[in-house]
C-alpha atoms as a PDB file:
ATOM      1  CA  MET A   1     -72.046 -53.368  -5.536  1.00  0.00           C
ATOM      2  CA  LYS A   2     -72.220 -50.544  -8.076  1.00  0.00           C
ATOM      3  CA  PHE A   3     -73.872 -47.323  -6.943  1.00  0.00           C
ATOM      4  CA  GLY A   4     -74.611 -44.090  -8.770  1.00  0.00           C
ATOM      5  CA  PRO A   5     -76.745 -42.336 -11.394  1.00  0.00           C
ATOM      6  CA  VAL A   6     -77.639 -44.183 -14.608  1.00  0.00           C
ATOM      7  CA  PRO A   7     -79.869 -43.328 -17.593  1.00  0.00           C
ATOM      8  CA  LEU A   8     -83.367 -44.734 -17.266  1.00  0.00           C
ATOM      9  CA  ASP A   9     -82.826 -47.127 -20.182  1.00  0.00           C
ATOM     10  CA  GLN A  10     -80.047 -48.800 -18.117  1.00  0.00           C
ATOM     11  CA  ALA A  11     -81.895 -48.921 -14.765  1.00  0.00           C
ATOM     12  CA  GLU A  12     -84.226 -51.896 -15.193  1.00  0.00           C
ATOM     13  CA  GLY A  13     -83.603 -54.541 -12.520  1.00  0.00           C
ATOM     14  CA  ALA A  14     -81.557 -52.140 -10.350  1.00  0.00           C
ATOM     15  CA  ILE A  15     -82.445 -51.003  -6.814  1.00  0.00           C
ATOM     16  CA  LEU A  16     -83.791 -47.482  -6.439  1.00  0.00           C
ATOM     17  CA  ALA A  17     -81.325 -45.736  -4.107  1.00  0.00           C
ATOM     18  CA  HIS A  18     -83.474 -42.760  -3.072  1.00  0.00           C
ATOM     19  CA  SER A  19     -87.220 -42.204  -2.926  1.00  0.00           C
ATOM     20  CA  VAL A  20     -88.584 -40.216  -5.867  1.00  0.00           C
ATOM     21  CA  PRO A  21     -91.722 -38.043  -5.483  1.00  0.00           C
ATOM     22  CA  LEU A  22     -94.155 -38.217  -8.386  1.00  0.00           C
ATOM     23  CA  THR A  23     -97.349 -36.396  -9.287  1.00  0.00           C
ATOM     24  CA  ALA A  24     -99.359 -39.282  -7.859  1.00  0.00           C
ATOM     25  CA  GLY A  25     -97.474 -40.701  -4.890  1.00  0.00           C
ATOM     26  CA  ARG A  26     -93.815 -41.695  -4.860  1.00  0.00           C
ATOM     27  CA  LEU A  27     -91.452 -44.525  -5.646  1.00  0.00           C
ATOM     28  CA  ARG A  28     -89.790 -45.646  -2.453  1.00  0.00           C
ATOM     29  CA  LYS A  29     -86.120 -46.345  -2.094  1.00  0.00           C
ATOM     30  CA  GLY A  30     -85.080 -49.986  -2.006  1.00  0.00           C
ATOM     31  CA  MET A  31     -87.558 -51.155  -4.623  1.00  0.00           C
ATOM     32  CA  VAL A  32     -86.393 -53.031  -7.694  1.00  0.00           C
ATOM     33  CA  LEU A  33     -87.139 -50.999 -10.793  1.00  0.00           C
ATOM     34  CA  GLY A  34     -89.206 -52.684 -13.486  1.00  0.00           C
ATOM     35  CA  ALA A  35     -90.688 -51.425 -16.741  1.00  0.00           C
ATOM     36  CA  GLY A  36     -93.709 -49.932 -14.961  1.00  0.00           C
ATOM     37  CA  GLU A  37     -91.613 -47.927 -12.506  1.00  0.00           C
ATOM     38  CA  LEU A  38     -89.322 -46.679 -15.273  1.00  0.00           C
ATOM     39  CA  SER A  39     -92.368 -45.516 -17.244  1.00  0.00           C
ATOM     40  CA  LEU A  40     -93.566 -43.524 -14.231  1.00  0.00           C
ATOM     41  CA  LEU A  41     -90.147 -41.927 -13.884  1.00  0.00           C
ATOM     42  CA  ARG A  42     -90.158 -40.930 -17.558  1.00  0.00           C
ATOM     43  CA  ASP A  43     -93.663 -39.483 -17.186  1.00  0.00           C
ATOM     44  CA  GLY A  44     -92.312 -37.475 -14.267  1.00  0.00           C
ATOM     45  CA  GLY A  45     -89.708 -35.880 -16.510  1.00  0.00           C
ATOM     46  CA  LEU A  46     -86.658 -37.811 -15.262  1.00  0.00           C
ATOM     47  CA  THR A  47     -83.954 -39.012 -17.613  1.00  0.00           C
ATOM     48  CA  GLU A  48     -81.711 -40.705 -15.046  1.00  0.00           C
ATOM     49  CA  VAL A  49     -81.966 -42.159 -11.550  1.00  0.00           C
ATOM     50  CA  VAL A  50     -79.572 -43.121  -8.733  1.00  0.00           C
ATOM     51  CA  VAL A  51     -79.486 -46.887  -8.287  1.00  0.00           C
ATOM     52  CA  ALA A  52     -77.588 -49.708  -6.635  1.00  0.00           C
ATOM     53  CA  ARG A  53     -76.811 -52.807  -8.646  1.00  0.00           C
ATOM     54  CA  LEU A  54     -75.548 -56.040  -7.119  1.00  0.00           C
ATOM     55  CA  GLU A  55     -72.379 -57.579  -8.487  1.00  0.00           C
ATOM     56  CA  PRO A  56     -71.333 -61.254  -8.407  1.00  0.00           C
ATOM     57  CA  GLY A  57     -70.569 -62.240  -4.811  1.00  0.00           C
ATOM     58  CA  ASP A  58     -72.884 -59.622  -3.273  1.00  0.00           C
ATOM     59  CA  VAL A  59     -75.663 -60.535  -0.826  1.00  0.00           C
ATOM     60  CA  ALA A  60     -78.809 -58.394  -0.737  1.00  0.00           C
ATOM     61  CA  GLU A  61     -79.514 -56.492   2.477  1.00  0.00           C
ATOM     62  CA  ASP A  62     -82.489 -58.508   3.768  1.00  0.00           C
ATOM     63  CA  THR A  63     -80.867 -61.854   2.980  1.00  0.00           C
ATOM     64  CA  ALA A  64     -77.651 -60.715   4.643  1.00  0.00           C
ATOM     65  CA  ALA A  65     -79.483 -59.419   7.726  1.00  0.00           C
ATOM     66  CA  ALA A  66     -81.396 -62.685   8.142  1.00  0.00           C
ATOM     67  CA  ARG A  67     -78.204 -64.748   7.851  1.00  0.00           C
ATOM     68  CA  LEU A  68     -76.352 -62.612  10.383  1.00  0.00           C
ATOM     69  CA  ALA A  69     -79.275 -62.706  12.829  1.00  0.00           C
ATOM     70  CA  SER A  70     -79.308 -66.505  12.579  1.00  0.00           C
ATOM     71  CA  ALA A  71     -75.619 -66.537  13.510  1.00  0.00           C
ATOM     72  CA  VAL A  72     -76.157 -64.237  16.482  1.00  0.00           C
ATOM     73  CA  VAL A  73     -79.166 -66.288  17.626  1.00  0.00           C
ATOM     74  CA  PRO A  74     -78.811 -69.904  16.444  1.00  0.00           C
ATOM     75  CA  ASP A  75     -80.994 -71.141  19.351  1.00  0.00           C
ATOM     76  CA  ALA A  76     -83.777 -68.620  19.852  1.00  0.00           C
ATOM     77  CA  ALA A  77     -85.573 -70.512  22.634  1.00  0.00           C
ATOM     78  CA  GLY A  78     -82.365 -71.296  24.505  1.00  0.00           C
ATOM     79  CA  GLN A  79     -81.122 -67.719  24.184  1.00  0.00           C
ATOM     80  CA  GLY A  80     -84.420 -66.167  25.253  1.00  0.00           C
ATOM     81  CA  LEU A  81     -84.854 -64.152  22.064  1.00  0.00           C
ATOM     82  CA  VAL A  82     -87.360 -63.751  19.254  1.00  0.00           C
ATOM     83  CA  VAL A  83     -85.737 -63.165  15.862  1.00  0.00           C
ATOM     84  CA  GLY A  84     -87.863 -60.829  13.765  1.00  0.00           C
ATOM     85  CA  GLY A  85     -88.274 -60.787  10.013  1.00  0.00           C
ATOM     86  CA  ALA A  86     -85.842 -58.894   7.816  1.00  0.00           C
ATOM     87  CA  PHE A  87     -86.976 -55.500   6.533  1.00  0.00           C
ATOM     88  CA  THR A  88     -84.886 -52.755   4.938  1.00  0.00           C
ATOM     89  CA  GLY A  89     -81.769 -54.639   5.965  1.00  0.00           C
ATOM     90  CA  ARG A  90     -82.794 -54.885   9.637  1.00  0.00           C
ATOM     91  CA  VAL A  91     -83.645 -57.793  11.922  1.00  0.00           C
ATOM     92  CA  ASN A  92     -84.737 -57.050  15.504  1.00  0.00           C
ATOM     93  CA  LEU A  93     -83.952 -59.343  18.425  1.00  0.00           C
ATOM     94  CA  ASN A  94     -86.518 -59.125  21.236  1.00  0.00           C
ATOM     95  CA  ALA A  95     -86.430 -60.691  24.688  1.00  0.00           C
ATOM     96  CA  THR A  96     -88.927 -63.457  25.395  1.00  0.00           C
ATOM     97  CA  HIS A  97     -88.718 -63.130  29.177  1.00  0.00           C
ATOM     98  CA  ALA A  98     -87.482 -60.873  31.966  1.00  0.00           C
ATOM     99  CA  GLY A  99     -83.826 -61.064  32.864  1.00  0.00           C
ATOM    100  CA  LEU A 100     -80.473 -59.571  31.939  1.00  0.00           C
ATOM    101  CA  ALA A 101     -78.880 -59.049  28.541  1.00  0.00           C
ATOM    102  CA  ALA A 102     -75.739 -61.181  28.379  1.00  0.00           C
ATOM    103  CA  VAL A 103     -73.563 -59.663  25.667  1.00  0.00           C
ATOM    104  CA  ASP A 104     -70.324 -61.113  24.324  1.00  0.00           C
ATOM    105  CA  ALA A 105     -68.751 -57.681  23.884  1.00  0.00           C
ATOM    106  CA  ALA A 106     -65.611 -59.071  22.240  1.00  0.00           C
ATOM    107  CA  ALA A 107     -67.708 -60.906  19.637  1.00  0.00           C
ATOM    108  CA  VAL A 108     -69.755 -57.789  18.891  1.00  0.00           C
ATOM    109  CA  LEU A 109     -66.551 -55.794  18.439  1.00  0.00           C
ATOM    110  CA  ARG A 110     -65.085 -58.421  16.103  1.00  0.00           C
ATOM    111  CA  LEU A 111     -68.247 -58.414  14.008  1.00  0.00           C
ATOM    112  CA  ASN A 112     -68.484 -54.646  13.752  1.00  0.00           C
ATOM    113  CA  ARG A 113     -64.838 -54.376  12.665  1.00  0.00           C
ATOM    114  CA  ILE A 114     -65.284 -56.596   9.610  1.00  0.00           C
ATOM    115  CA  HIS A 115     -67.236 -54.291   7.286  1.00  0.00           C
ATOM    116  CA  PRO A 116     -68.783 -50.895   8.059  1.00  0.00           C
ATOM    117  CA  ALA A 117     -72.078 -51.878   6.430  1.00  0.00           C
ATOM    118  CA  ILE A 118     -72.466 -55.057   8.544  1.00  0.00           C
ATOM    119  CA  THR A 119     -73.542 -54.120  12.068  1.00  0.00           C
ATOM    120  CA  LEU A 120     -74.945 -55.443  15.321  1.00  0.00           C
ATOM    121  CA  ALA A 121     -76.122 -53.134  18.112  1.00  0.00           C
ATOM    122  CA  THR A 122     -77.103 -54.480  21.547  1.00  0.00           C
ATOM    123  CA  LEU A 123     -78.168 -53.230  24.928  1.00  0.00           C
ATOM    124  CA  PRO A 124     -75.330 -52.645  27.407  1.00  0.00           C
ATOM    125  CA  PRO A 125     -74.111 -55.844  29.108  1.00  0.00           C
ATOM    126  CA  LEU A 126     -76.306 -56.957  32.020  1.00  0.00           C
ATOM    127  CA  GLN A 127     -79.041 -54.399  31.393  1.00  0.00           C
ATOM    128  CA  ARG A 128     -82.415 -55.552  32.698  1.00  0.00           C
ATOM    129  CA  VAL A 129     -84.976 -56.494  30.073  1.00  0.00           C
ATOM    130  CA  THR A 130     -88.690 -57.160  30.165  1.00  0.00           C
ATOM    131  CA  PRO A 131     -90.642 -59.520  27.893  1.00  0.00           C
ATOM    132  CA  GLY A 132     -90.814 -58.141  24.354  1.00  0.00           C
ATOM    133  CA  MET A 133     -88.092 -55.552  24.928  1.00  0.00           C
ATOM    134  CA  LEU A 134     -85.694 -54.880  22.039  1.00  0.00           C
ATOM    135  CA  ALA A 135     -82.342 -56.343  23.104  1.00  0.00           C
ATOM    136  CA  GLY A 136     -80.399 -56.108  19.849  1.00  0.00           C
ATOM    137  CA  THR A 137     -80.712 -55.218  16.196  1.00  0.00           C
ATOM    138  CA  VAL A 138     -78.835 -56.433  13.133  1.00  0.00           C
ATOM    139  CA  LYS A 139     -78.577 -53.776  10.406  1.00  0.00           C
ATOM    140  CA  ILE A 140     -77.068 -54.064   6.958  1.00  0.00           C
ATOM    141  CA  ILE A 141     -76.477 -50.428   6.103  1.00  0.00           C
ATOM    142  CA  ALA A 142     -75.904 -50.781   2.345  1.00  0.00           C
ATOM    143  CA  TYR A 143     -78.243 -52.390  -0.176  1.00  0.00           C
ATOM    144  CA  ALA A 144     -75.842 -55.329  -0.423  1.00  0.00           C
ATOM    145  CA  VAL A 145     -72.591 -56.527   1.149  1.00  0.00           C
ATOM    146  CA  PRO A 146     -69.838 -58.864  -0.036  1.00  0.00           C
ATOM    147  CA  ALA A 147     -70.522 -62.507   0.772  1.00  0.00           C
ATOM    148  CA  GLU A 148     -66.985 -62.973   2.054  1.00  0.00           C
ATOM    149  CA  ALA A 149     -67.406 -60.204   4.631  1.00  0.00           C
ATOM    150  CA  LEU A 150     -70.836 -61.526   5.623  1.00  0.00           C
ATOM    151  CA  ASN A 151     -69.443 -65.011   6.187  1.00  0.00           C
ATOM    152  CA  ALA A 152     -66.700 -63.623   8.421  1.00  0.00           C
ATOM    153  CA  ALA A 153     -69.252 -61.566  10.388  1.00  0.00           C
ATOM    154  CA  CYS A 154     -71.481 -64.603  10.916  1.00  0.00           C
ATOM    155  CA  GLU A 155     -68.535 -66.554  12.265  1.00  0.00           C
ATOM    156  CA  ALA A 156     -67.509 -63.722  14.587  1.00  0.00           C
ATOM    157  CA  ALA A 157     -71.026 -63.131  15.900  1.00  0.00           C
ATOM    158  CA  TRP A 158     -71.919 -66.692  16.927  1.00  0.00           C
ATOM    159  CA  VAL A 159     -74.190 -66.526  20.016  1.00  0.00           C
ATOM    160  CA  ALA A 160     -73.147 -62.948  20.790  1.00  0.00           C
ATOM    161  CA  LEU A 161     -76.360 -62.178  22.707  1.00  0.00           C
ATOM    162  CA  ARG A 162     -78.683 -64.016  25.055  1.00  0.00           C
ATOM    163  CA  ILE A 163     -81.078 -63.219  27.872  1.00  0.00           C
ATOM    164  CA  LEU A 164     -80.223 -64.603  31.299  1.00  0.00           C
ATOM    165  CA  PRO A 165     -83.484 -65.758  32.918  1.00  0.00           C
ATOM    166  CA  VAL A 166     -84.519 -64.962  36.475  1.00  0.00           C
ATOM    167  CA  LEU A 167     -83.757 -68.088  38.522  1.00  0.00           C
ATOM    168  CA  ARG A 168     -84.560 -66.852  42.027  1.00  0.00           C
ATOM    169  CA  LYS A 169     -88.287 -66.189  41.900  1.00  0.00           C
ATOM    170  CA  THR A 170     -89.054 -65.026  45.459  1.00  0.00           C
ATOM    171  CA  ALA A 171     -87.710 -62.576  48.008  1.00  0.00           C
ATOM    172  CA  GLY A 172     -88.529 -61.783  51.618  1.00  0.00           C
ATOM    173  CA  LEU A 173     -88.398 -58.222  52.940  1.00  0.00           C
ATOM    174  CA  ILE A 174     -87.643 -56.853  56.405  1.00  0.00           C
ATOM    175  CA  LEU A 175     -88.492 -53.200  57.049  1.00  0.00           C
ATOM    176  CA  THR A 176     -87.251 -51.568  60.235  1.00  0.00           C
ATOM    177  CA  GLU A 177     -88.826 -48.570  61.936  1.00  0.00           C
ATOM    178  CA  VAL A 178     -87.247 -45.996  64.241  1.00  0.00           C
ATOM    179  CA  PRO A 179     -89.240 -44.123  66.895  1.00  0.00           C
ATOM    180  CA  GLY A 180     -91.395 -41.432  65.353  1.00  0.00           C
ATOM    181  CA  GLN A 181     -91.191 -42.833  61.837  1.00  0.00           C
ATOM    182  CA  GLU A 182     -94.316 -42.251  59.773  1.00  0.00           C
ATOM    183  CA  GLU A 183     -96.220 -45.361  58.701  1.00  0.00           C
ATOM    184  CA  LYS A 184     -96.438 -44.077  55.130  1.00  0.00           C
ATOM    185  CA  LEU A 185     -92.637 -44.296  54.794  1.00  0.00           C
ATOM    186  CA  THR A 186     -92.759 -48.002  55.640  1.00  0.00           C
ATOM    187  CA  ALA A 187     -95.696 -48.554  53.296  1.00  0.00           C
ATOM    188  CA  LYS A 188     -93.902 -46.740  50.486  1.00  0.00           C
ATOM    189  CA  GLY A 189     -90.782 -48.857  50.985  1.00  0.00           C
ATOM    190  CA  ARG A 190     -92.759 -52.064  50.728  1.00  0.00           C
ATOM    191  CA  ARG A 191     -94.711 -50.866  47.691  1.00  0.00           C
ATOM    192  CA  VAL A 192     -91.635 -49.772  45.739  1.00  0.00           C
ATOM    193  CA  VAL A 193     -89.638 -52.906  46.565  1.00  0.00           C
ATOM    194  CA  GLU A 194     -92.565 -55.089  45.547  1.00  0.00           C
ATOM    195  CA  GLY A 195     -92.728 -53.199  42.244  1.00  0.00           C
ATOM    196  CA  ARG A 196     -89.028 -53.846  41.665  1.00  0.00           C
ATOM    197  CA  LEU A 197     -89.532 -57.554  42.203  1.00  0.00           C
ATOM    198  CA  ARG A 198     -92.577 -57.634  39.963  1.00  0.00           C
ATOM    199  CA  ALA A 199     -90.595 -56.052  37.126  1.00  0.00           C
ATOM    200  CA  LEU A 200     -88.194 -59.005  37.373  1.00  0.00           C
ATOM    201  CA  GLY A 201     -91.006 -61.523  37.411  1.00  0.00           C
ATOM    202  CA  MET A 202     -90.383 -62.169  41.118  1.00  0.00           C
ATOM    203  CA  GLU A 203     -92.819 -62.433  44.013  1.00  0.00           C
ATOM    204  CA  LEU A 204     -92.607 -60.821  47.430  1.00  0.00           C
ATOM    205  CA  ALA A 205     -92.893 -63.889  49.658  1.00  0.00           C
ATOM    206  CA  GLU A 206     -93.459 -61.906  52.842  1.00  0.00           C
ATOM    207  CA  ALA A 207     -92.751 -58.484  54.343  1.00  0.00           C
ATOM    208  CA  ARG A 208     -92.060 -58.083  58.069  1.00  0.00           C
ATOM    209  CA  VAL A 209     -91.945 -54.777  59.941  1.00  0.00           C
ATOM    210  CA  VAL A 210     -89.727 -54.765  63.046  1.00  0.00           C
ATOM    211  CA  PRO A 211     -88.080 -52.198  65.323  1.00  0.00           C
ATOM    212  CA  HIS A 212     -84.680 -50.907  64.228  1.00  0.00           C
ATOM    213  CA  ASP A 213     -82.824 -53.306  66.469  1.00  0.00           C
ATOM    214  CA  SER A 214     -80.262 -56.027  65.690  1.00  0.00           C
ATOM    215  CA  ALA A 215     -82.054 -58.680  67.744  1.00  0.00           C
ATOM    216  CA  ALA A 216     -85.400 -57.922  66.100  1.00  0.00           C
ATOM    217  CA  ILE A 217     -83.829 -58.077  62.638  1.00  0.00           C
ATOM    218  CA  ALA A 218     -82.153 -61.394  63.466  1.00  0.00           C
ATOM    219  CA  SER A 219     -85.379 -62.892  64.757  1.00  0.00           C
ATOM    220  CA  ALA A 220     -87.284 -61.848  61.628  1.00  0.00           C
ATOM    221  CA  LEU A 221     -84.515 -63.043  59.309  1.00  0.00           C
ATOM    222  CA  ARG A 222     -84.123 -66.547  60.739  1.00  0.00           C
ATOM    223  CA  ASP A 223     -87.343 -67.887  59.214  1.00  0.00           C
ATOM    224  CA  LEU A 224     -88.073 -65.219  56.594  1.00  0.00           C
ATOM    225  CA  PRO A 225     -89.310 -66.922  53.404  1.00  0.00           C
ATOM    226  CA  GLY A 226     -87.788 -66.115  50.033  1.00  0.00           C
ATOM    227  CA  GLU A 227     -84.771 -67.083  47.954  1.00  0.00           C
ATOM    228  CA  ILE A 228     -83.287 -63.616  48.525  1.00  0.00           C
ATOM    229  CA  ALA A 229     -83.566 -61.637  51.779  1.00  0.00           C
ATOM    230  CA  LEU A 230     -83.924 -57.860  51.563  1.00  0.00           C
ATOM    231  CA  ILE A 231     -83.551 -55.435  54.474  1.00  0.00           C
ATOM    232  CA  LEU A 232     -84.713 -51.820  54.224  1.00  0.00           C
ATOM    233  CA  THR A 233     -83.944 -49.887  57.383  1.00  0.00           C
ATOM    234  CA  GLY A 234     -85.628 -46.858  58.871  1.00  0.00           C
ATOM    235  CA  SER A 235     -82.203 -45.447  59.722  1.00  0.00           C
ATOM    236  CA  ALA A 236     -79.444 -45.562  57.117  1.00  0.00           C
ATOM    237  CA  THR A 237     -76.672 -48.130  57.554  1.00  0.00           C
ATOM    238  CA  SER A 238     -73.454 -46.205  58.196  1.00  0.00           C
ATOM    239  CA  ASP A 239     -70.903 -48.922  58.955  1.00  0.00           C
ATOM    240  CA  LEU A 240     -70.089 -52.576  58.390  1.00  0.00           C
ATOM    241  CA  TYR A 241     -71.028 -53.182  62.038  1.00  0.00           C
ATOM    242  CA  ASP A 242     -74.146 -51.022  62.173  1.00  0.00           C
ATOM    243  CA  THR A 243     -77.535 -52.311  63.351  1.00  0.00           C
ATOM    244  CA  ALA A 244     -78.713 -54.206  60.260  1.00  0.00           C
ATOM    245  CA  PRO A 245     -75.390 -55.918  59.439  1.00  0.00           C
ATOM    246  CA  GLU A 246     -75.147 -57.029  63.057  1.00  0.00           C
ATOM    247  CA  GLY A 247     -78.663 -58.419  62.793  1.00  0.00           C
ATOM    248  CA  VAL A 248     -77.581 -60.544  59.844  1.00  0.00           C
ATOM    249  CA  ARG A 249     -74.632 -61.907  61.845  1.00  0.00           C
ATOM    250  CA  ALA A 250     -76.882 -62.600  64.827  1.00  0.00           C
ATOM    251  CA  ALA A 251     -79.124 -64.675  62.529  1.00  0.00           C
ATOM    252  CA  GLY A 252     -76.175 -66.896  61.634  1.00  0.00           C
ATOM    253  CA  GLY A 253     -75.242 -65.051  58.462  1.00  0.00           C
ATOM    254  CA  GLN A 254     -72.277 -63.015  57.360  1.00  0.00           C
ATOM    255  CA  VAL A 255     -71.785 -59.634  55.750  1.00  0.00           C
ATOM    256  CA  THR A 256     -69.284 -59.584  52.910  1.00  0.00           C
ATOM    257  CA  ARG A 257     -69.411 -55.964  51.806  1.00  0.00           C
ATOM    258  CA  PHE A 258     -70.623 -52.544  52.862  1.00  0.00           C
ATOM    259  CA  GLY A 259     -70.634 -49.703  50.340  1.00  0.00           C
ATOM    260  CA  MET A 260     -70.568 -49.501  46.553  1.00  0.00           C
ATOM    261  CA  PRO A 261     -69.307 -46.978  43.955  1.00  0.00           C
ATOM    262  CA  VAL A 262     -72.780 -46.311  42.555  1.00  0.00           C
ATOM    263  CA  ASP A 263     -74.694 -43.157  43.374  1.00  0.00           C
ATOM    264  CA  PRO A 264     -77.516 -43.316  44.356  1.00  0.00           C
ATOM    265  CA  GLY A 265     -76.879 -46.585  46.166  1.00  0.00           C
ATOM    266  CA  ASN A 266     -73.651 -46.036  48.116  1.00  0.00           C
ATOM    267  CA  LEU A 267     -74.964 -47.403  51.417  1.00  0.00           C
ATOM    268  CA  LEU A 268     -75.805 -50.933  50.267  1.00  0.00           C
ATOM    269  CA  PHE A 269     -74.494 -53.923  52.179  1.00  0.00           C
ATOM    270  CA  LEU A 270     -74.294 -57.486  50.936  1.00  0.00           C
ATOM    271  CA  GLY A 271     -74.106 -60.811  52.739  1.00  0.00           C
ATOM    272  CA  GLU A 272     -75.617 -64.252  53.041  1.00  0.00           C
ATOM    273  CA  GLN A 273     -77.656 -66.195  55.559  1.00  0.00           C
ATOM    274  CA  ARG A 274     -78.322 -69.930  55.416  1.00  0.00           C
ATOM    275  CA  GLY A 275     -77.037 -70.098  51.862  1.00  0.00           C
ATOM    276  CA  ARG A 276     -79.180 -67.314  50.410  1.00  0.00           C
ATOM    277  CA  PRO A 277     -78.123 -63.768  49.500  1.00  0.00           C
ATOM    278  CA  VAL A 278     -78.969 -60.898  51.830  1.00  0.00           C
ATOM    279  CA  ILE A 279     -79.102 -57.359  50.451  1.00  0.00           C
ATOM    280  CA  GLY A 280     -79.162 -54.419  52.811  1.00  0.00           C
ATOM    281  CA  LEU A 281     -80.976 -51.853  50.684  1.00  0.00           C
ATOM    282  CA  PRO A 282     -79.917 -48.204  50.729  1.00  0.00           C
ATOM    283  CA  GLY A 283     -82.569 -45.624  51.569  1.00  0.00           C
ATOM    284  CA  CYS A 284     -82.841 -44.607  47.908  1.00  0.00           C
ATOM    285  CA  ALA A 285     -84.532 -47.967  47.285  1.00  0.00           C
ATOM    286  CA  ARG A 286     -87.726 -46.252  48.449  1.00  0.00           C
ATOM    287  CA  SER A 287     -87.686 -44.460  45.104  1.00  0.00           C
ATOM    288  CA  PRO A 288     -88.515 -46.406  41.921  1.00  0.00           C
ATOM    289  CA  ALA A 289     -85.619 -44.651  40.155  1.00  0.00           C
ATOM    290  CA  LEU A 290     -82.617 -46.787  39.197  1.00  0.00           C
ATOM    291  CA  ASN A 291     -80.010 -47.165  41.929  1.00  0.00           C
ATOM    292  CA  GLY A 292     -77.087 -49.446  42.741  1.00  0.00           C
ATOM    293  CA  ALA A 293     -79.255 -51.949  44.595  1.00  0.00           C
ATOM    294  CA  ASP A 294     -81.081 -52.696  41.335  1.00  0.00           C
ATOM    295  CA  TRP A 295     -77.856 -53.874  39.703  1.00  0.00           C
ATOM    296  CA  VAL A 296     -77.060 -56.183  42.621  1.00  0.00           C
ATOM    297  CA  LEU A 297     -80.603 -57.541  42.943  1.00  0.00           C
ATOM    298  CA  GLU A 298     -80.911 -58.213  39.203  1.00  0.00           C
ATOM    299  CA  ARG A 299     -77.658 -60.173  39.034  1.00  0.00           C
ATOM    300  CA  LEU A 300     -78.441 -62.253  42.097  1.00  0.00           C
ATOM    301  CA  ALA A 301     -81.952 -62.930  40.801  1.00  0.00           C
ATOM    302  CA  CYS A 302     -80.428 -64.300  37.576  1.00  0.00           C
ATOM    303  CA  GLY A 303     -78.111 -66.620  39.489  1.00  0.00           C
ATOM    304  CA  LEU A 304     -74.922 -64.600  39.016  1.00  0.00           C
ATOM    305  CA  THR A 305     -72.395 -64.121  41.782  1.00  0.00           C
ATOM    306  CA  VAL A 306     -71.676 -60.581  42.942  1.00  0.00           C
ATOM    307  CA  ALA A 307     -68.125 -60.360  44.288  1.00  0.00           C
ATOM    308  CA  ASP A 308     -66.032 -57.370  45.359  1.00  0.00           C
ATOM    309  CA  ASP A 309     -64.583 -56.924  41.865  1.00  0.00           C
ATOM    310  CA  ASP A 310     -68.064 -56.970  40.333  1.00  0.00           C
ATOM    311  CA  ILE A 311     -69.210 -54.164  42.611  1.00  0.00           C
ATOM    312  CA  ALA A 312     -65.974 -52.212  42.134  1.00  0.00           C
ATOM    313  CA  ALA A 313     -66.473 -52.347  38.351  1.00  0.00           C
ATOM    314  CA  MET A 314     -69.926 -50.789  38.715  1.00  0.00           C
ATOM    315  CA  GLY A 315     -68.263 -47.439  39.351  1.00  0.00           C
ATOM    316  CA  VAL A 316     -67.820 -46.996  35.598  1.00  0.00           C
ATOM    317  CA  GLY A 317     -71.269 -45.751  34.646  1.00  0.00           C
ATOM    318  CA  GLY A 318     -72.265 -45.725  38.300  1.00  0.00           C
ATOM    319  CA  LEU A 319     -73.121 -42.032  38.458  1.00  0.00           C
ATOM    320  CA  LEU A 320     -76.869 -42.412  38.045  1.00  0.00           C
ATOM    321  CA  LYS A 321     -79.616 -39.838  37.849  1.00  0.00           C
ATOM    322  CA  GLU A 322     -80.044 -37.914  41.083  1.00  0.00           C
ATOM    323  CA  ILE A 323     -83.133 -38.600  43.198  1.00  0.00           C
ATOM    324  CA  PRO A 324     -84.589 -35.172  44.090  1.00  0.00           C
ATOM    325  CA  GLN A 325     -86.058 -36.232  47.444  1.00  0.00           C
ATOM    326  CA  ARG A 326     -82.725 -37.366  48.919  1.00  0.00           C
ATOM    327  CA  PRO A 327     -81.938 -35.571  52.184  1.00  0.00           C
ATOM    328  CA  GLN A 328     -78.327 -35.006  51.057  1.00  0.00           C
ATOM    329  CA  PRO A 329     -78.244 -34.391  47.288  1.00  0.00           C
ATOM    330  CA  ARG A 330     -74.911 -34.519  45.479  1.00  0.00           C
ATOM    331  CA  GLU A 331     -75.030 -30.829  44.701  1.00  0.00           C
ATOM    332  CA  PRO A 332     -76.797 -28.083  46.650  1.00  0.00           C
END
């Protein structure tokens, strides 16, 4: 592609590189200059203009963006994405349903290394999305790019992004109460958890309120409906063998982990009971703000496994925004 100033009598058929204000309106950048536009420029007192002119082997920005988007999303329905129309070298990729953004980070890196004007930007891997949310955008930065580079980028970017759907559609919730606990704290916990599930397209199958006692938790858990079991305790879990984890064991389940390197969210525990996941929610789950339990719940809802290494890796980026109402804030 050739780029730079040219006399007006050499600019016909070229792409206007920068918008030009005129007495009546303006000529916008990116337009192809014809005889009418050149006449307006002359009337405005200009003798030259900055243009871009495609050379043999170049692909125009919108055509290039559409081709690259088709390589990133060859199966829109299967990948859970809507591919938008190309405009000013951009094609947006929007989620069709709630879930998690599955990003092939290595493919995105390969693509973005090929040519600085050929780009793909995505959400971070495994970020939660809602229907219609922008999950990625293809952008051709120049007015045209070499076909050879575009072909290489399309090959590198094949199926680099998709939306993992929510597979587990229901969850049951157990809330425990300690003596003297205010009813509004229990009600708030239920309301906020239900909102979290709703944002994932999930339904709260049932919520049960029981005393903060292992036997009571076990009894409630044994026949609690829902594909995921959630436990939000009135007193924070402080050990792998504290009240709520022991309740899970008493119900025939097991606890596989206590604690995570995400703050807020440190005091989460994770287990299973009768083949379904059990999440012991930290107290910060009473706030709608993002916390470590969200990351675990979202992955399990989308059918992913959450092993020790997965939780350990959450420490990178795991310092989340502080929740002001916490009884023990990070900093005084």
